[in-house]
Amino acid sequence: DLEYVFEQNDQQNKDKDGQEITSTKKETIQRLSQELSVDMRGAISPESPQKFMQLVRELRSLNEKQLLTVFEDYHQNVPNQDPEKTTEEETVKKQTRKVIIDALSLVGTKECLGAVKKLVDAEKVSDDECEQLLSGIALSI
């Protein structure tokens, strides 16, 4: 249900002044993104869309610095680019990063736009990821 992507909630704005992301919120974001990553490798469960919307809501409650911190957890320095030699850990990390990028593109806040701008300026996202982020942002603002 797309209404959740655009939904504003005053409760979500309470944490925006805090500079550090709470460990509970960070764990929730990590858990959701990893569960979605696993779902994407197999059959997508009926709960997957709900988990994704929850991930977007969690990210929406973060300020720019916190969003950058979340993204840094999935910074990609994969030394082995050969798909046949990619380890399971590298595959999971790539897929989880894709989930985070998908969710970031739908957050639709000025904090997220600032974080995406910094990621693009610092060349921490590929051209394809940049295109995906900007396309999603254009639809979510």
Protein backbone atom coordinates (compact mmCIF):
# COMPACT_ATOMS: atom_id res chain seq x y z
CA ASP A 1 0.00 0.00 0.00
CA LEU A 2 1.73 3.14 -1.23
CA GLU A 3 0.11 5.44 1.30
CA TYR A 4 2.82 4.48 3.80
CA VAL A 5 5.59 5.90 1.60
CA PHE A 6 4.11 9.38 1.68
CA GLU A 7 2.64 9.28 5.17
CA GLN A 8 3.94 11.91 7.61
CA ASN A 9 4.05 11.15 11.30
CA ASP A 10 4.94 13.66 14.02
CA GLN A 11 6.30 10.82 16.16
CA GLN A 12 8.94 10.11 13.52
CA ASN A 13 10.34 13.64 13.69
CA LYS A 14 11.22 13.44 17.39
CA ASP A 15 14.61 11.74 16.85
CA LYS A 16 15.81 14.15 14.15
CA ASP A 17 17.64 16.41 16.59
CA GLY A 18 19.68 13.52 18.00
CA GLN A 19 23.05 13.08 16.31
CA GLU A 20 23.62 9.43 17.10
CA ILE A 21 21.35 6.74 15.80
CA THR A 22 20.03 4.62 18.66
CA SER A 23 21.26 1.05 18.78
CA THR A 24 17.66 -0.21 18.79
CA LYS A 25 16.79 1.73 15.64
CA LYS A 26 20.03 0.66 13.96
CA GLU A 27 19.36 -2.99 14.85
CA THR A 28 15.81 -2.69 13.48
CA ILE A 29 17.09 -1.23 10.20
CA GLN A 30 19.77 -3.92 9.91
CA ARG A 31 17.32 -6.70 10.71
CA LEU A 32 14.71 -5.50 8.22
CA SER A 33 17.21 -4.93 5.41
CA GLN A 34 18.85 -8.32 5.98
CA GLU A 35 15.50 -10.12 6.10
CA LEU A 36 14.47 -8.42 2.87
CA SER A 37 17.80 -9.36 1.32
CA VAL A 38 17.16 -13.01 2.15
CA ASP A 39 13.60 -12.74 0.82
CA MET A 40 14.91 -11.36 -2.49
CA ARG A 41 17.16 -14.37 -3.03
CA GLY A 42 14.28 -16.79 -2.67
CA ALA A 43 10.54 -16.56 -2.86
CA ILE A 44 9.32 -13.19 -1.65
CA SER A 45 7.15 -13.71 1.40
CA PRO A 46 3.75 -12.06 1.91
CA GLU A 47 5.38 -10.05 4.73
CA SER A 48 8.09 -8.58 2.47
CA PRO A 49 6.15 -5.47 1.34
CA GLN A 50 5.21 -4.72 4.93
CA LYS A 51 8.84 -5.11 6.04
CA PHE A 52 9.98 -2.81 3.24
CA MET A 53 7.48 -0.13 4.22
CA GLN A 54 8.59 -0.45 7.84
CA LEU A 55 12.21 0.00 6.69
CA VAL A 56 11.25 3.17 4.77
CA ARG A 57 9.44 4.52 7.86
CA GLU A 58 12.48 3.79 10.05
CA LEU A 59 14.79 5.56 7.60
CA ARG A 60 12.37 8.49 7.33
CA SER A 61 12.79 9.17 11.05
CA LEU A 62 16.57 9.70 10.74
CA ASN A 63 18.48 12.92 10.15
CA GLU A 64 21.10 13.32 7.41
CA LYS A 65 24.04 12.24 9.56
CA GLN A 66 22.19 9.16 10.79
CA LEU A 67 21.22 8.19 7.23
CA LEU A 68 24.87 8.44 6.18
CA THR A 69 25.84 6.26 9.15
CA VAL A 70 23.33 3.60 8.09
CA PHE A 71 24.62 3.68 4.51
CA GLU A 72 28.25 3.42 5.63
CA ASP A 73 27.43 0.07 7.23
CA TYR A 74 26.83 -1.21 3.71
CA HIS A 75 29.74 0.51 2.00
CA GLN A 76 30.81 -1.75 -0.79
CA ASN A 77 34.46 -2.59 -1.27
CA VAL A 78 34.06 -5.98 -2.82
CA PRO A 79 37.52 -7.07 -3.95
CA ASN A 80 36.24 -9.98 -6.00
CA GLN A 81 34.08 -8.86 -8.93
CA ASP A 82 33.87 -12.31 -10.57
CA PRO A 83 30.30 -13.56 -9.88
CA GLU A 84 31.47 -17.18 -9.85
CA LYS A 85 33.96 -16.48 -7.05
CA THR A 86 31.79 -14.19 -4.94
CA THR A 87 31.46 -15.41 -1.36
CA GLU A 88 28.10 -15.81 0.37
CA GLU A 89 28.97 -12.89 2.66
CA GLU A 90 29.70 -10.61 -0.32
CA THR A 91 26.45 -11.65 -1.98
CA VAL A 92 24.44 -10.90 1.17
CA LYS A 93 26.18 -7.54 1.62
CA LYS A 94 25.49 -6.55 -2.01
CA GLN A 95 21.84 -7.56 -1.75
CA THR A 96 21.38 -5.77 1.58
CA ARG A 97 22.97 -2.63 0.11
CA LYS A 98 20.49 -2.83 -2.77
CA VAL A 99 17.60 -3.02 -0.28
CA ILE A 100 18.94 0.04 1.59
CA ILE A 101 19.29 1.99 -1.67
CA ASP A 102 15.77 0.99 -2.74
CA ALA A 103 14.40 2.18 0.61
CA LEU A 104 16.47 5.40 0.64
CA SER A 105 15.07 6.33 -2.75
CA LEU A 106 11.55 6.34 -1.26
CA VAL A 107 12.20 8.16 2.03
CA GLY A 108 11.33 11.54 0.50
CA THR A 109 12.67 13.85 3.21
CA LYS A 110 15.05 16.80 2.88
CA GLU A 111 17.42 14.94 5.23
CA CYS A 112 17.51 12.01 2.85
CA LEU A 113 18.03 14.28 -0.15
CA GLY A 114 21.01 15.86 1.64
CA ALA A 115 22.44 12.44 2.47
CA VAL A 116 22.03 11.25 -1.12
CA LYS A 117 23.72 14.41 -2.40
CA LYS A 118 26.69 13.76 -0.12
CA LEU A 119 26.88 10.11 -1.21
CA VAL A 120 26.85 11.10 -4.88
CA ASP A 121 29.38 13.93 -4.39
CA ALA A 122 31.72 11.57 -2.52
CA GLU A 123 31.24 8.94 -5.24
CA LYS A 124 30.08 6.34 -2.72
CA VAL A 125 27.39 5.10 -5.07
CA SER A 126 27.77 3.71 -8.58
CA ASP A 127 26.22 5.43 -11.58
CA ASP A 128 23.42 2.84 -11.63
CA GLU A 129 22.75 3.31 -7.90
CA CYS A 130 22.76 7.08 -8.38
CA GLU A 131 20.22 6.80 -11.18
CA GLN A 132 18.06 4.53 -9.03
CA LEU A 133 18.24 6.88 -6.04
CA LEU A 134 17.38 9.97 -8.08
CA SER A 135 14.53 8.26 -9.93
CA GLY A 136 12.99 7.10 -6.67
CA ILE A 137 13.45 10.47 -4.99
CA ALA A 138 11.74 12.19 -7.93
CA LEU A 139 8.68 10.02 -7.32
CA SER A 140 8.67 10.33 -3.53
CA ILE A 141 8.96 14.11 -3.06
